[in-house]
Amino acid sequence: MKKTNQPRLWVAAIYLILLALAIPWYWPENDMRHIYGLPFWVISTLMILLTTSIFTAWVFLSSPEKDDC
């Protein structure tokens, strides 16, 4: 099977989903839960950002290499 450099639309879709989850617009205003002194929505956003970083590294490392140097 030959690898091509076509855009992977599913990658863009995953990024859009992660972006929507990282912004705490869906969080209730009166939620006062805290973990280690941080609001729960901050912990949630940080976990989504970590997931985004891991996904970005996976996409970069799994892309086909070019030897055009």
C-alpha atoms as a PDB file:
ATOM      1  CA  MET A   1       0.000   0.000   0.000  1.00  0.00           C
ATOM      2  CA  LYS A   2       1.414   3.342  -1.079  1.00  0.00           C
ATOM      3  CA  LYS A   3       1.358   6.242   1.373  1.00  0.00           C
ATOM      4  CA  THR A   4       0.190   9.559  -0.001  1.00  0.00           C
ATOM      5  CA  ASN A   5       0.431  13.093   1.316  1.00  0.00           C
ATOM      6  CA  GLN A   6      -3.275  13.770   1.015  1.00  0.00           C
ATOM      7  CA  PRO A   7      -4.799  15.824   3.806  1.00  0.00           C
ATOM      8  CA  ARG A   8      -6.238  13.742   6.582  1.00  0.00           C
ATOM      9  CA  LEU A   9      -9.580  15.338   7.326  1.00  0.00           C
ATOM     10  CA  TRP A  10     -10.132  13.222  10.403  1.00  0.00           C
ATOM     11  CA  VAL A  11      -7.126  14.916  12.023  1.00  0.00           C
ATOM     12  CA  ALA A  12      -8.754  18.320  11.536  1.00  0.00           C
ATOM     13  CA  ALA A  13     -12.005  16.964  12.955  1.00  0.00           C
ATOM     14  CA  ILE A  14     -10.226  15.677  16.072  1.00  0.00           C
ATOM     15  CA  TYR A  15      -8.560  19.083  16.554  1.00  0.00           C
ATOM     16  CA  LEU A  16     -11.923  20.831  16.303  1.00  0.00           C
ATOM     17  CA  ILE A  17     -13.436  18.487  18.885  1.00  0.00           C
ATOM     18  CA  LEU A  18     -10.488  18.996  21.244  1.00  0.00           C
ATOM     19  CA  LEU A  19     -10.733  22.759  20.793  1.00  0.00           C
ATOM     20  CA  ALA A  20     -14.437  22.707  21.627  1.00  0.00           C
ATOM     21  CA  LEU A  21     -13.737  20.647  24.755  1.00  0.00           C
ATOM     22  CA  ALA A  22     -10.804  22.814  25.889  1.00  0.00           C
ATOM     23  CA  ILE A  23     -12.887  25.993  26.025  1.00  0.00           C
ATOM     24  CA  PRO A  24     -14.975  25.810  29.213  1.00  0.00           C
ATOM     25  CA  TRP A  25     -18.082  27.449  27.712  1.00  0.00           C
ATOM     26  CA  TYR A  26     -20.162  24.398  28.607  1.00  0.00           C
ATOM     27  CA  TRP A  27     -19.214  24.529  32.294  1.00  0.00           C
ATOM     28  CA  PRO A  28     -21.938  25.661  34.744  1.00  0.00           C
ATOM     29  CA  GLU A  29     -21.317  29.154  36.156  1.00  0.00           C
ATOM     30  CA  ASN A  30     -22.082  28.192  39.745  1.00  0.00           C
ATOM     31  CA  ASP A  31     -19.787  25.126  39.854  1.00  0.00           C
ATOM     32  CA  MET A  32     -17.501  25.685  42.845  1.00  0.00           C
ATOM     33  CA  ARG A  33     -15.672  22.335  42.956  1.00  0.00           C
ATOM     34  CA  HIS A  34     -11.909  22.543  43.506  1.00  0.00           C
ATOM     35  CA  ILE A  35      -9.062  20.056  43.221  1.00  0.00           C
ATOM     36  CA  TYR A  36      -5.737  21.022  44.804  1.00  0.00           C
ATOM     37  CA  GLY A  37      -6.883  24.640  44.950  1.00  0.00           C
ATOM     38  CA  LEU A  38      -7.802  24.881  41.263  1.00  0.00           C
ATOM     39  CA  PRO A  39     -11.342  25.025  39.914  1.00  0.00           C
ATOM     40  CA  PHE A  40     -12.443  21.764  38.333  1.00  0.00           C
ATOM     41  CA  TRP A  41     -12.858  23.417  34.907  1.00  0.00           C
ATOM     42  CA  VAL A  42      -9.165  24.385  34.967  1.00  0.00           C
ATOM     43  CA  ILE A  43      -8.155  20.768  35.606  1.00  0.00           C
ATOM     44  CA  SER A  44     -10.448  19.651  32.786  1.00  0.00           C
ATOM     45  CA  THR A  45      -8.961  22.191  30.372  1.00  0.00           C
ATOM     46  CA  LEU A  46      -5.410  21.192  31.300  1.00  0.00           C
ATOM     47  CA  MET A  47      -6.218  17.521  30.677  1.00  0.00           C
ATOM     48  CA  ILE A  48      -7.671  18.341  27.255  1.00  0.00           C
ATOM     49  CA  LEU A  49      -4.560  20.394  26.442  1.00  0.00           C
ATOM     50  CA  LEU A  50      -2.363  17.449  27.449  1.00  0.00           C
ATOM     51  CA  THR A  51      -4.459  15.193  25.212  1.00  0.00           C
ATOM     52  CA  THR A  52      -4.068  17.678  22.350  1.00  0.00           C
ATOM     53  CA  SER A  53      -0.287  17.699  22.827  1.00  0.00           C
ATOM     54  CA  ILE A  54      -0.105  13.912  22.799  1.00  0.00           C
ATOM     55  CA  PHE A  55      -2.307  13.756  19.699  1.00  0.00           C
ATOM     56  CA  THR A  56      -0.138  16.356  17.940  1.00  0.00           C
ATOM     57  CA  ALA A  57       3.009  14.386  18.732  1.00  0.00           C
ATOM     58  CA  TRP A  58       1.396  11.181  17.461  1.00  0.00           C
ATOM     59  CA  VAL A  59       0.290  12.850  14.201  1.00  0.00           C
ATOM     60  CA  PHE A  60       3.767  14.292  13.665  1.00  0.00           C
ATOM     61  CA  LEU A  61       5.604  11.071  14.467  1.00  0.00           C
ATOM     62  CA  SER A  62       3.285   8.870  12.410  1.00  0.00           C
ATOM     63  CA  SER A  63       3.453  11.011   9.275  1.00  0.00           C
ATOM     64  CA  PRO A  64       5.518   9.691   6.375  1.00  0.00           C
ATOM     65  CA  GLU A  65       9.053  11.013   6.293  1.00  0.00           C
ATOM     66  CA  LYS A  66      10.429  12.932   3.334  1.00  0.00           C
ATOM     67  CA  ASP A  67      14.026  12.624   2.176  1.00  0.00           C
ATOM     68  CA  ASP A  68      13.960  15.702  -0.068  1.00  0.00           C
ATOM     69  CA  CYS A  69      16.863  17.482   1.694  1.00  0.00           C
END
